[in-house]
Amino acid sequence: MENMLFLLFLVSIYLFIIGYLGYRGYRGTHTATDYLIAGREAHPFVMAMSYGATFISTSAIVGFGGAAAVFGMGLLWLTVLNVFVGVFVAFVFIGVRTRAMGHRLNAHTFPELLGHRYDSLFLKIFAALIIILFMPLYTGVVLMGAAKFIEVRMGTSYEVALFFFSVLVAVYVIMGGLKGVMYADAVQGAIMLFGICLLIFFAYYGLGGIVSAHEQLSAMQSAVPENMAASGHRGWTSMPEFGSPYWWTLVSTIVMGVGIGVLAQPQLAVRYMTVRSTMELNRAVLVGGIFITLMTGGAFTVGAISNVYFLGDADVGVISIMAARGDVEQIIPEFIKNYLPFWLGDVFFVTLMAAAMSTASSQFHNMGTSTGRDIFESFTRKHSSGASILATRIGIFATFIVSVTLAYVLPVYFEAGIAIVARGTAIFFGLCAATFLPLYMGGLYFRGITRSAAIAGAVVGFFVSLFWLVFCHASTAAALQLCNLIFGRAHLFGDARTGFVLWSHVDPLFIGLPLSIVVTAVVCFFTKPFSEEHLDACFKKS
């Protein structure tokens, strides 16, 4: 009872702070620019923490942490890409130009930026529809991660935890807009850093330190179950066998899918447009780099070494066996519940709430702005701040319903133990990369990309990736059952190989993105370029 009172006390303080920040955002929102991009006046620290807290959610901690318990330390390559690509490259090479072009073209959303850059209503609507139709999957798995932790920690049902948590997030996003979201993100990011540092310390402390923990984990190679070893698993401190199903899943789907896909994330791209100058964006690199290193590196490391704890516990069993028979997303919550001091579990409960709320709030805001600003205003031609904010709030509510419904359905629909949260995140990241990355990066750096080339590349990247997901990629095709319904088989390729390439486990990113780049480049040579006046408006300093 005392433990529960302490937890309720922490949660009450946290919710009061978030409620106050949402109210601050509401009071400071007077125009559509305030609601959509925080008035373009965000402090670099707030922007960096908001970016990091949006990037890192329960998908990273619960979802990818659970995946690390299965795949091992090889998942740390994702941390390397997250820091180098997701922070350094993103801020220095993409963020700077996104901010400058967004200001020049008066863009308030990611689809609006693409639409203005290529003078294309089609691209604006197409990008908005992808966000509205597919981001609910990403949002749903983030909500799943939070609800599963609440379920374990508070002893409530998954359905009740999901409902109340989701409603809480939706309320403060609808009320405060991006200002409220970013204020809350900065505080939530600080809470997340504090919680993950405690988790890393106590996880290593319980095993006698860093060296001892890694030696014990390395010695567990013989504990790898036969079915996992047959699929290429070689222990939790080694990469899977090159070309094996485990190798392709880890490298192509989880590491590359998320590590590259982050560059084309709409909810992150809009953060670049919230600061006043390039100098402030550059100042945010260090903060963002430290945050991402600790959050992802810490979660993945703890997930891997949790195997040592579970191996010696006869009541719980080897972690890989748990993963095979149940939810991978339960691994981190169960580890914290069984092996860490109760008060740390309570602190980390708030950490997980902060991680999930910061990401989900940004996703709801992004889906709402795509509905209100990009779809509603494009067809109604109503551009007043009041109409834009109202339409965005209605969009947030509608996509909230869809996302929560998916979070209810996914655990039932997908087979247990396939790391739904991690894979759902990777699917959305990869789909965005194949669709948006060539025209987004190309549009920032190259004057020669034509409207037709941008449209062709985006359409090819999207539909090829979607086809590969539905009919070719083993885990998603088998779960969706459309391939089985049409062709009478789980997925088209079966066990077909070409050298080390196991086609059924190749992520759609490796197919859709190269084709999108090639199509964009080829079509440029055969279509009419933009006028110099339009290009000057996009690229030259005002």
Protein backbone atom coordinates (compact mmCIF):
# COMPACT_ATOMS: atom_id res chain seq x y z
CA MET A 1 0.00 0.00 0.00
CA GLU A 2 2.82 2.41 0.89
CA ASN A 3 4.51 1.63 -2.42
CA MET A 4 1.35 2.49 -4.32
CA LEU A 5 0.93 5.75 -2.40
CA PHE A 6 4.48 6.79 -3.31
CA LEU A 7 3.77 6.02 -6.97
CA LEU A 8 0.51 7.97 -6.92
CA PHE A 9 2.32 10.89 -5.31
CA LEU A 10 4.96 10.96 -8.08
CA VAL A 11 2.37 10.61 -10.83
CA SER A 12 0.24 13.39 -9.35
CA ILE A 13 3.18 15.82 -9.29
CA TYR A 14 4.11 14.87 -12.85
CA LEU A 15 0.56 15.31 -14.16
CA PHE A 16 0.23 18.66 -12.41
CA ILE A 17 3.40 19.91 -14.13
CA ILE A 18 2.26 18.65 -17.55
CA GLY A 19 -1.19 20.16 -17.03
CA TYR A 20 0.36 23.51 -16.14
CA LEU A 21 2.62 23.43 -19.21
CA GLY A 22 -0.35 22.58 -21.41
CA TYR A 23 -2.16 25.58 -19.93
CA ARG A 24 0.92 27.75 -20.57
CA GLY A 25 0.87 26.63 -24.18
CA TYR A 26 -2.84 27.42 -24.42
CA ARG A 27 -2.36 30.90 -22.97
CA GLY A 28 0.56 31.60 -25.29
CA THR A 29 -1.25 30.47 -28.44
CA HIS A 30 -2.85 33.33 -30.35
CA THR A 31 -2.21 32.53 -34.02
CA ALA A 32 -1.96 29.49 -36.28
CA THR A 33 1.83 29.96 -36.30
CA ASP A 34 1.84 29.65 -32.50
CA TYR A 35 -0.30 26.51 -32.59
CA LEU A 36 1.47 24.84 -35.51
CA ILE A 37 5.18 25.70 -35.05
CA ALA A 38 5.40 27.36 -31.61
CA GLY A 39 5.62 30.86 -33.08
CA ARG A 40 9.10 30.15 -34.57
CA GLU A 41 10.63 31.31 -31.27
CA ALA A 42 11.61 28.10 -29.47
CA HIS A 43 14.78 28.17 -27.34
CA PRO A 44 17.50 25.81 -28.73
CA PHE A 45 17.53 23.77 -25.50
CA VAL A 46 13.76 23.38 -25.61
CA MET A 47 13.93 22.47 -29.30
CA ALA A 48 16.68 19.87 -28.75
CA MET A 49 14.93 18.27 -25.79
CA SER A 50 11.62 18.30 -27.66
CA TYR A 51 13.27 16.68 -30.68
CA GLY A 52 14.92 14.03 -28.51
CA ALA A 53 11.85 13.35 -26.40
CA THR A 54 9.74 13.06 -29.56
CA PHE A 55 12.27 10.72 -31.14
CA ILE A 56 12.72 8.55 -28.04
CA SER A 57 9.56 7.02 -26.67
CA THR A 58 8.34 3.78 -25.19
CA SER A 59 9.18 2.32 -28.60
CA ALA A 60 12.87 2.89 -27.79
CA ILE A 61 12.74 1.96 -24.12
CA VAL A 62 10.09 -0.76 -23.86
CA GLY A 63 9.89 -1.85 -27.50
CA PHE A 64 13.53 -1.68 -28.62
CA GLY A 65 14.75 -2.47 -25.09
CA GLY A 66 12.73 -5.69 -25.29
CA ALA A 67 14.10 -6.32 -28.79
CA ALA A 68 17.65 -5.89 -27.40
CA ALA A 69 16.86 -8.63 -24.87
CA VAL A 70 16.28 -10.91 -27.85
CA PHE A 71 18.88 -9.67 -30.38
CA GLY A 72 21.55 -8.55 -27.90
CA MET A 73 24.19 -5.83 -28.02
CA GLY A 74 24.10 -5.68 -31.82
CA LEU A 75 21.20 -3.27 -31.43
CA LEU A 76 23.70 -0.64 -30.24
CA TRP A 77 24.49 -0.01 -33.92
CA LEU A 78 21.13 1.73 -33.95
CA THR A 79 22.42 4.10 -31.25
CA VAL A 80 25.41 4.92 -33.47
CA LEU A 81 23.12 5.76 -36.39
CA ASN A 82 20.68 7.62 -34.14
CA VAL A 83 23.42 9.98 -32.95
CA PHE A 84 25.33 10.42 -36.22
CA VAL A 85 22.40 10.46 -38.63
CA GLY A 86 19.48 11.36 -36.37
CA VAL A 87 21.22 14.27 -34.63
CA PHE A 88 24.42 15.43 -36.36
CA VAL A 89 23.40 14.96 -40.00
CA ALA A 90 19.78 15.85 -39.26
CA PHE A 91 20.54 19.13 -37.46
CA VAL A 92 23.62 20.35 -39.36
CA PHE A 93 22.78 19.34 -42.93
CA ILE A 94 19.00 18.97 -43.03
CA GLY A 95 17.67 21.05 -40.15
CA VAL A 96 19.51 24.22 -41.14
CA ARG A 97 18.12 24.18 -44.67
CA THR A 98 14.66 23.07 -43.56
CA ARG A 99 14.44 25.99 -41.14
CA ALA A 100 15.64 28.49 -43.75
CA MET A 101 13.38 27.24 -46.55
CA GLY A 102 10.43 26.84 -44.21
CA HIS A 103 10.75 30.47 -43.13
CA ARG A 104 11.14 31.74 -46.70
CA LEU A 105 8.14 29.78 -47.97
CA ASN A 106 6.06 30.43 -44.83
CA ALA A 107 5.57 26.69 -44.34
CA HIS A 108 3.99 25.50 -41.10
CA THR A 109 3.93 21.72 -41.65
CA PHE A 110 6.06 19.10 -43.37
CA PRO A 111 3.53 18.50 -46.20
CA GLU A 112 3.19 22.25 -46.66
CA LEU A 113 6.98 22.58 -47.00
CA LEU A 114 7.05 19.91 -49.72
CA GLY A 115 4.02 21.41 -51.45
CA HIS A 116 5.50 24.93 -51.54
CA ARG A 117 8.98 23.73 -52.56
CA TYR A 118 7.60 21.85 -55.57
CA ASP A 119 4.59 24.13 -56.13
CA SER A 120 2.42 21.02 -55.98
CA LEU A 121 -0.93 20.61 -54.27
CA PHE A 122 -0.74 16.89 -55.07
CA LEU A 123 2.48 16.42 -53.07
CA LYS A 124 1.06 18.37 -50.15
CA ILE A 125 -2.10 16.26 -50.05
CA PHE A 126 -0.21 13.01 -50.72
CA ALA A 127 2.22 13.64 -47.84
CA ALA A 128 -0.63 14.63 -45.53
CA LEU A 129 -2.60 11.49 -46.36
CA ILE A 130 0.40 9.24 -45.66
CA ILE A 131 0.76 10.89 -42.25
CA ILE A 132 -2.95 10.62 -41.49
CA LEU A 133 -3.27 7.01 -42.68
CA PHE A 134 0.01 5.48 -41.49
CA MET A 135 1.22 7.50 -38.49
CA PRO A 136 -1.60 6.03 -36.36
CA LEU A 137 0.31 2.72 -36.57
CA TYR A 138 3.40 4.35 -35.07
CA THR A 139 1.30 6.19 -32.50
CA GLY A 140 -0.55 3.00 -31.66
CA VAL A 141 2.64 1.08 -30.83
CA VAL A 142 3.88 3.99 -28.69
CA LEU A 143 0.62 3.87 -26.73
CA MET A 144 0.99 0.09 -26.50
CA GLY A 145 4.41 0.42 -24.88
CA ALA A 146 3.09 2.82 -22.26
CA ALA A 147 -0.03 0.79 -21.53
CA LYS A 148 1.94 -2.44 -21.11
CA PHE A 149 4.23 -0.82 -18.54
CA ILE A 150 1.27 0.70 -16.66
CA GLU A 151 -0.40 -2.74 -16.74
CA VAL A 152 2.58 -4.42 -15.10
CA ARG A 153 3.42 -1.65 -12.63
CA MET A 154 -0.07 -0.76 -11.38
CA GLY A 155 -1.73 -4.16 -11.77
CA THR A 156 -4.55 -2.80 -13.91
CA SER A 157 -5.83 -4.19 -17.20
CA TYR A 158 -4.14 -3.26 -20.47
CA GLU A 159 -7.38 -1.81 -21.83
CA VAL A 160 -7.98 0.50 -18.86
CA ALA A 161 -4.35 1.68 -18.84
CA LEU A 162 -4.46 2.41 -22.56
CA PHE A 163 -7.71 4.38 -22.37
CA PHE A 164 -6.79 6.73 -19.53
CA PHE A 165 -3.25 7.33 -20.74
CA SER A 166 -4.37 8.12 -24.29
CA VAL A 167 -7.08 10.52 -23.15
CA LEU A 168 -4.60 12.38 -20.96
CA VAL A 169 -2.19 12.91 -23.87
CA ALA A 170 -4.92 13.99 -26.29
CA VAL A 171 -6.33 16.59 -23.90
CA TYR A 172 -3.13 18.57 -23.40
CA VAL A 173 -2.20 18.40 -27.09
CA ILE A 174 -5.60 19.65 -28.22
CA MET A 175 -5.45 22.42 -25.65
CA GLY A 176 -1.88 23.69 -25.95
CA GLY A 177 -0.81 23.08 -29.55
CA LEU A 178 2.91 22.81 -30.35
CA LYS A 179 3.87 25.35 -27.69
CA GLY A 180 2.29 23.20 -25.02
CA VAL A 181 3.81 20.07 -26.54
CA MET A 182 7.34 21.50 -26.65
CA TYR A 183 7.19 22.95 -23.12
CA ALA A 184 6.09 19.55 -21.85
CA ASP A 185 8.69 17.76 -23.99
CA ALA A 186 11.55 19.70 -22.41
CA VAL A 187 10.48 18.68 -18.90
CA GLN A 188 9.69 15.13 -19.98
CA GLY A 189 13.12 14.85 -21.61
CA ALA A 190 14.82 15.84 -18.36
CA ILE A 191 12.76 13.24 -16.47
CA MET A 192 13.69 10.61 -19.06
CA LEU A 193 17.42 11.35 -18.71
CA PHE A 194 17.24 11.09 -14.93
CA GLY A 195 15.30 7.82 -15.08
CA ILE A 196 17.52 6.11 -17.66
CA CYS A 197 20.70 7.03 -15.77
CA LEU A 198 19.31 5.43 -12.63
CA LEU A 199 18.26 2.36 -14.60
CA ILE A 200 21.72 1.91 -16.15
CA PHE A 201 23.48 2.33 -12.80
CA PHE A 202 21.34 -0.18 -10.89
CA ALA A 203 21.30 -2.71 -13.74
CA TYR A 204 25.12 -2.83 -13.74
CA TYR A 205 25.39 -2.53 -9.95
CA GLY A 206 23.29 -5.67 -9.47
CA LEU A 207 25.72 -7.67 -11.62
CA GLY A 208 28.93 -6.43 -10.00
CA GLY A 209 29.79 -3.67 -12.46
CA ILE A 210 30.21 -3.16 -16.19
CA VAL A 211 32.98 -5.71 -16.80
CA SER A 212 31.33 -8.42 -14.72
CA ALA A 213 27.94 -7.87 -16.39
CA HIS A 214 29.36 -8.17 -19.89
CA GLU A 215 31.44 -11.22 -19.02
CA GLN A 216 28.35 -12.96 -17.65
CA LEU A 217 26.34 -12.03 -20.73
CA SER A 218 29.08 -13.31 -23.06
CA ALA A 219 29.17 -16.62 -21.19
CA MET A 220 25.47 -17.18 -21.92
CA GLN A 221 25.93 -18.19 -25.55
CA SER A 222 25.08 -21.80 -24.71
CA ALA A 223 21.73 -20.63 -23.31
CA VAL A 224 20.46 -19.50 -26.73
CA PRO A 225 17.42 -21.68 -27.56
CA GLU A 226 17.77 -24.03 -30.50
CA ASN A 227 15.13 -22.31 -32.63
CA MET A 228 16.89 -18.94 -32.23
CA ALA A 229 20.30 -20.45 -32.95
CA ALA A 230 18.90 -22.05 -36.09
CA SER A 231 17.79 -18.61 -37.29
CA GLY A 232 21.26 -17.14 -36.81
CA HIS A 233 21.40 -16.06 -33.14
CA ARG A 234 25.00 -16.43 -31.84
CA GLY A 235 24.68 -15.01 -28.34
CA TRP A 236 23.79 -11.66 -26.84
CA THR A 237 27.21 -10.06 -27.29
CA SER A 238 27.65 -11.11 -30.93
CA MET A 239 26.01 -10.05 -34.16
CA PRO A 240 23.71 -12.69 -35.69
CA GLU A 241 25.15 -14.93 -38.40
CA PHE A 242 25.67 -12.91 -41.59
CA GLY A 243 22.74 -13.34 -43.99
CA SER A 244 20.57 -15.23 -41.49
CA PRO A 245 16.92 -14.27 -40.74
CA TYR A 246 18.03 -12.72 -37.44
CA TRP A 247 20.76 -10.71 -39.19
CA TRP A 248 18.38 -9.34 -41.81
CA THR A 249 15.75 -8.44 -39.21
CA LEU A 250 18.26 -6.71 -36.95
CA VAL A 251 20.26 -4.90 -39.64
CA SER A 252 17.77 -4.08 -42.37
CA THR A 253 14.55 -3.59 -40.40
CA ILE A 254 15.51 -2.40 -36.94
CA VAL A 255 18.91 -0.69 -37.35
CA MET A 256 18.72 0.69 -40.89
CA GLY A 257 14.96 1.15 -41.02
CA VAL A 258 14.96 3.44 -37.99
CA GLY A 259 18.50 4.79 -38.32
CA ILE A 260 17.93 6.11 -41.85
CA GLY A 261 14.18 6.66 -41.62
CA VAL A 262 14.59 9.29 -38.91
CA LEU A 263 15.72 11.81 -41.55
CA ALA A 264 12.27 11.86 -43.13
CA GLN A 265 10.08 11.91 -40.03
CA PRO A 266 7.42 14.65 -40.36
CA GLN A 267 7.00 15.17 -36.61
CA LEU A 268 10.77 15.73 -36.26
CA ALA A 269 11.22 17.86 -39.39
CA VAL A 270 8.76 20.43 -38.11
CA ARG A 271 10.96 20.96 -35.03
CA TYR A 272 13.64 22.57 -37.23
CA MET A 273 11.19 25.32 -38.17
CA THR A 274 10.50 26.32 -34.57
CA VAL A 275 13.84 28.07 -33.87
CA ARG A 276 14.73 31.60 -34.89
CA SER A 277 18.17 31.11 -36.46
CA THR A 278 20.75 28.65 -37.75
CA MET A 279 23.02 29.43 -34.79
CA GLU A 280 20.35 28.25 -32.36
CA LEU A 281 19.85 25.05 -34.33
CA ASN A 282 23.60 24.33 -34.23
CA ARG A 283 23.64 24.94 -30.48
CA ALA A 284 21.03 22.21 -30.12
CA VAL A 285 23.33 19.50 -31.58
CA LEU A 286 25.27 18.80 -28.36
CA VAL A 287 22.15 18.58 -26.20
CA GLY A 288 20.43 16.31 -28.70
CA GLY A 289 23.49 14.07 -29.10
CA ILE A 290 23.93 13.52 -25.37
CA PHE A 291 20.22 12.85 -24.92
CA ILE A 292 19.97 10.28 -27.72
CA THR A 293 23.19 8.51 -26.67
CA LEU A 294 22.06 8.00 -23.09
CA MET A 295 18.45 7.15 -23.86
CA THR A 296 18.94 4.62 -26.65
CA GLY A 297 22.32 3.26 -25.55
CA GLY A 298 21.04 2.86 -22.00
CA ALA A 299 17.78 1.15 -22.95
CA PHE A 300 19.43 -1.25 -25.41
CA THR A 301 22.23 -2.16 -22.99
CA VAL A 302 19.86 -2.81 -20.10
CA GLY A 303 17.64 -4.88 -22.38
CA ALA A 304 20.57 -7.09 -23.37
CA ILE A 305 22.04 -7.61 -19.89
CA SER A 306 18.60 -8.32 -18.42
CA ASN A 307 19.19 -11.83 -19.81
CA VAL A 308 21.73 -12.41 -17.04
CA TYR A 309 19.12 -11.61 -14.39
CA PHE A 310 16.42 -13.77 -15.94
CA LEU A 311 18.73 -16.71 -16.61
CA GLY A 312 19.32 -17.30 -12.92
CA ASP A 313 15.68 -16.95 -11.90
CA ALA A 314 13.80 -20.23 -12.08
CA ASP A 315 10.45 -18.50 -11.45
CA VAL A 316 10.78 -16.24 -14.47
CA GLY A 317 12.89 -18.33 -16.81
CA VAL A 318 15.36 -17.44 -19.53
CA ILE A 319 14.37 -14.16 -21.14
CA SER A 320 14.47 -15.59 -24.64
CA ILE A 321 11.95 -18.26 -23.64
CA MET A 322 9.69 -15.53 -22.28
CA ALA A 323 10.06 -13.66 -25.54
CA ALA A 324 9.20 -16.75 -27.54
CA ARG A 325 6.02 -17.50 -25.63
CA GLY A 326 4.83 -14.01 -24.73
CA ASP A 327 5.23 -10.29 -25.26
CA VAL A 328 8.72 -8.97 -25.96
CA GLU A 329 7.38 -5.60 -24.79
CA GLN A 330 6.87 -7.05 -21.28
CA ILE A 331 10.59 -7.74 -20.79
CA ILE A 332 11.70 -4.31 -19.56
CA PRO A 333 8.63 -3.83 -17.30
CA GLU A 334 9.13 -7.30 -15.81
CA PHE A 335 12.84 -6.70 -15.32
CA ILE A 336 12.18 -3.46 -13.43
CA LYS A 337 9.38 -5.03 -11.39
CA ASN A 338 11.38 -8.12 -10.36
CA TYR A 339 14.95 -6.91 -9.92
CA LEU A 340 15.09 -3.21 -9.07
CA PRO A 341 14.16 -1.35 -5.87
CA PHE A 342 10.46 -0.48 -5.75
CA TRP A 343 11.15 3.25 -5.60
CA LEU A 344 13.24 3.05 -8.77
CA GLY A 345 10.38 1.28 -10.47
CA ASP A 346 8.12 4.15 -9.45
CA VAL A 347 10.58 6.74 -10.77
CA PHE A 348 10.95 4.80 -13.99
CA PHE A 349 7.19 4.53 -14.28
CA VAL A 350 7.09 8.32 -14.52
CA THR A 351 10.04 8.15 -16.95
CA LEU A 352 8.08 5.83 -19.24
CA MET A 353 5.01 8.04 -19.00
CA ALA A 354 7.14 11.02 -20.01
CA ALA A 355 8.68 9.11 -22.92
CA ALA A 356 5.34 7.95 -24.25
CA MET A 357 3.55 11.24 -23.73
CA SER A 358 6.27 13.29 -25.42
CA THR A 359 6.22 11.16 -28.57
CA ALA A 360 2.48 10.52 -28.71
CA SER A 361 1.70 14.21 -28.20
CA SER A 362 3.91 15.16 -31.15
CA GLN A 363 2.34 12.46 -33.28
CA PHE A 364 -1.18 13.60 -32.44
CA HIS A 365 -0.19 17.18 -33.18
CA ASN A 366 1.40 16.19 -36.50
CA MET A 367 -1.60 14.14 -37.60
CA GLY A 368 -3.92 16.96 -36.55
CA THR A 369 -2.00 19.61 -38.49
CA SER A 370 -1.99 17.40 -41.57
CA THR A 371 -5.76 17.08 -41.28
CA GLY A 372 -6.50 20.71 -40.48
CA ARG A 373 -3.80 22.75 -42.18
CA ASP A 374 -2.93 20.54 -45.15
CA ILE A 375 -6.24 18.87 -46.03
CA PHE A 376 -9.00 21.13 -44.67
CA GLU A 377 -7.46 24.45 -45.70
CA SER A 378 -6.38 23.14 -49.10
CA PHE A 379 -9.94 22.27 -50.08
CA THR A 380 -11.94 24.94 -48.23
CA ARG A 381 -9.53 27.85 -48.83
CA LYS A 382 -10.22 29.03 -45.27
CA HIS A 383 -6.95 30.40 -43.92
CA SER A 384 -7.97 32.20 -40.73
CA SER A 385 -6.13 31.27 -37.54
CA GLY A 386 -9.36 30.34 -35.79
CA ALA A 387 -10.54 27.98 -38.53
CA SER A 388 -7.08 26.42 -38.84
CA ILE A 389 -6.75 25.76 -35.11
CA LEU A 390 -10.29 24.35 -34.87
CA ALA A 391 -9.74 22.04 -37.85
CA THR A 392 -6.43 20.87 -36.37
CA ARG A 393 -8.06 20.09 -33.03
CA ILE A 394 -10.78 18.08 -34.77
CA GLY A 395 -8.06 16.26 -36.73
CA ILE A 396 -6.20 15.43 -33.51
CA PHE A 397 -9.36 13.96 -32.01
CA ALA A 398 -10.15 11.86 -35.10
CA THR A 399 -6.63 10.43 -35.40
CA PHE A 400 -6.62 9.86 -31.64
CA ILE A 401 -9.57 7.49 -32.05
CA VAL A 402 -7.84 5.56 -34.83
CA SER A 403 -4.51 5.30 -32.96
CA VAL A 404 -6.13 4.03 -29.75
CA THR A 405 -8.17 1.50 -31.72
CA LEU A 406 -4.97 0.17 -33.30
CA ALA A 407 -3.31 -0.05 -29.89
CA TYR A 408 -6.23 -2.24 -28.75
CA VAL A 409 -6.17 -4.43 -31.84
CA LEU A 410 -2.44 -4.97 -32.54
CA PRO A 411 -1.61 -7.18 -29.50
CA VAL A 412 -4.47 -9.50 -30.44
CA TYR A 413 -3.94 -9.52 -34.19
CA PHE A 414 -0.19 -10.10 -34.27
CA GLU A 415 1.40 -13.25 -32.91
CA ALA A 416 3.06 -13.02 -29.52
CA GLY A 417 6.78 -12.44 -29.28
CA ILE A 418 7.44 -10.61 -32.57
CA ALA A 419 8.39 -7.25 -31.03
CA ILE A 420 5.34 -5.36 -32.33
CA VAL A 421 6.42 -2.02 -30.89
CA ALA A 422 9.92 -2.12 -32.38
CA ARG A 423 8.77 -3.42 -35.75
CA GLY A 424 5.79 -1.08 -35.98
CA THR A 425 8.14 1.84 -35.41
CA ALA A 426 10.61 0.53 -38.00
CA ILE A 427 7.83 0.04 -40.57
CA PHE A 428 6.68 3.66 -40.32
CA PHE A 429 10.23 5.04 -40.34
CA GLY A 430 11.13 2.97 -43.40
CA LEU A 431 7.96 3.89 -45.26
CA CYS A 432 8.61 7.59 -44.67
CA ALA A 433 12.22 7.27 -45.82
CA ALA A 434 11.32 5.53 -49.09
CA THR A 435 8.55 8.04 -49.81
CA PHE A 436 9.91 11.38 -48.61
CA LEU A 437 13.69 11.22 -48.33
CA PRO A 438 14.70 11.72 -51.99
CA LEU A 439 12.39 14.68 -52.66
CA TYR A 440 12.91 16.14 -49.17
CA MET A 441 16.74 16.11 -49.18
CA GLY A 442 16.88 16.73 -52.91
CA GLY A 443 14.52 19.66 -52.54
CA LEU A 444 16.74 21.22 -49.89
CA TYR A 445 20.01 20.88 -51.83
CA PHE A 446 19.31 20.66 -55.55
CA ARG A 447 17.61 23.22 -57.74
CA GLY A 448 17.23 20.80 -60.64
CA ILE A 449 14.62 18.42 -59.21
CA THR A 450 11.38 18.93 -61.13
CA ARG A 451 7.82 18.71 -59.90
CA SER A 452 7.17 15.56 -61.96
CA ALA A 453 10.36 13.90 -60.69
CA ALA A 454 9.46 14.59 -57.06
CA ILE A 455 5.95 13.21 -57.53
CA ALA A 456 7.15 10.14 -59.44
CA GLY A 457 9.84 9.31 -56.88
CA ALA A 458 7.46 9.69 -53.93
CA VAL A 459 4.71 7.57 -55.51
CA VAL A 460 7.11 4.80 -56.58
CA GLY A 461 8.86 4.74 -53.19
CA PHE A 462 5.58 4.56 -51.31
CA PHE A 463 3.80 1.92 -53.37
CA VAL A 464 6.83 -0.32 -53.81
CA SER A 465 7.47 -0.23 -50.06
CA LEU A 466 3.81 -0.90 -49.31
CA PHE A 467 3.71 -3.82 -51.78
CA TRP A 468 6.85 -5.31 -50.22
CA LEU A 469 5.36 -5.01 -46.74
CA VAL A 470 2.07 -6.62 -47.67
CA PHE A 471 3.27 -9.41 -49.97
CA CYS A 472 7.01 -10.01 -49.58
CA HIS A 473 8.26 -9.22 -46.07
CA ALA A 474 7.83 -12.39 -44.01
CA SER A 475 6.62 -11.04 -40.66
CA THR A 476 4.21 -8.37 -41.92
CA ALA A 477 2.87 -10.37 -44.88
CA ALA A 478 2.16 -13.37 -42.67
CA ALA A 479 0.39 -11.19 -40.11
CA LEU A 480 -1.73 -9.26 -42.62
CA GLN A 481 -2.78 -12.48 -44.45
CA LEU A 482 -3.53 -10.66 -47.74
CA CYS A 483 -0.81 -12.55 -49.56
CA ASN A 484 -2.20 -15.83 -48.27
CA LEU A 485 -5.71 -14.83 -49.32
CA ILE A 486 -4.69 -13.88 -52.87
CA PHE A 487 -1.77 -16.18 -53.64
CA GLY A 488 -2.30 -19.01 -51.14
CA ARG A 489 1.07 -18.54 -49.40
CA ALA A 490 2.28 -16.55 -46.38
CA HIS A 491 4.63 -14.40 -48.50
CA LEU A 492 5.80 -14.46 -52.10
CA PHE A 493 9.48 -15.33 -51.70
CA GLY A 494 9.38 -18.21 -49.24
CA ASP A 495 12.99 -19.16 -48.42
CA ALA A 496 14.42 -17.82 -51.70
CA ARG A 497 18.01 -16.56 -51.54
CA THR A 498 20.44 -14.80 -53.83
CA GLY A 499 23.82 -15.26 -52.20
CA PHE A 500 23.54 -13.87 -48.69
CA VAL A 501 20.28 -12.05 -49.49
CA LEU A 502 17.28 -13.71 -47.87
CA TRP A 503 14.52 -11.90 -49.77
CA SER A 504 11.67 -12.56 -47.35
CA HIS A 505 13.58 -10.74 -44.57
CA VAL A 506 14.85 -7.75 -46.57
CA ASP A 507 13.23 -4.60 -45.26
CA PRO A 508 11.10 -2.55 -47.71
CA LEU A 509 13.50 0.37 -47.15
CA PHE A 510 16.20 -1.47 -49.13
CA ILE A 511 13.83 -1.85 -52.09
CA GLY A 512 11.68 1.28 -52.04
CA LEU A 513 14.34 3.90 -51.27
CA PRO A 514 16.82 3.00 -54.07
CA LEU A 515 13.98 2.81 -56.61
CA SER A 516 12.63 6.16 -55.43
CA ILE A 517 16.07 7.77 -55.85
CA VAL A 518 16.56 6.29 -59.33
CA VAL A 519 13.10 7.29 -60.53
CA THR A 520 13.52 10.83 -59.19
CA ALA A 521 16.89 11.23 -60.93
CA VAL A 522 15.74 9.77 -64.26
CA VAL A 523 12.51 11.76 -64.51
CA CYS A 524 14.45 14.99 -63.88
CA PHE A 525 16.13 14.60 -67.29
CA PHE A 526 12.85 14.41 -69.19
CA THR A 527 10.65 16.98 -67.48
CA LYS A 528 10.41 20.75 -67.36
CA PRO A 529 12.49 22.50 -64.66
CA PHE A 530 11.13 25.21 -62.37
CA SER A 531 11.45 28.86 -63.25
CA GLU A 532 14.38 30.79 -61.78
CA GLU A 533 11.92 33.01 -59.91
CA HIS A 534 10.46 30.04 -58.06
CA LEU A 535 13.88 28.57 -57.28
CA ASP A 536 15.16 31.92 -56.02
CA ALA A 537 12.17 32.15 -53.69
CA CYS A 538 13.08 28.71 -52.30
CA PHE A 539 16.85 29.01 -52.06
CA LYS A 540 17.98 32.63 -51.90
CA LYS A 541 18.13 34.57 -48.68
CA SER A 542 15.36 37.09 -48.31
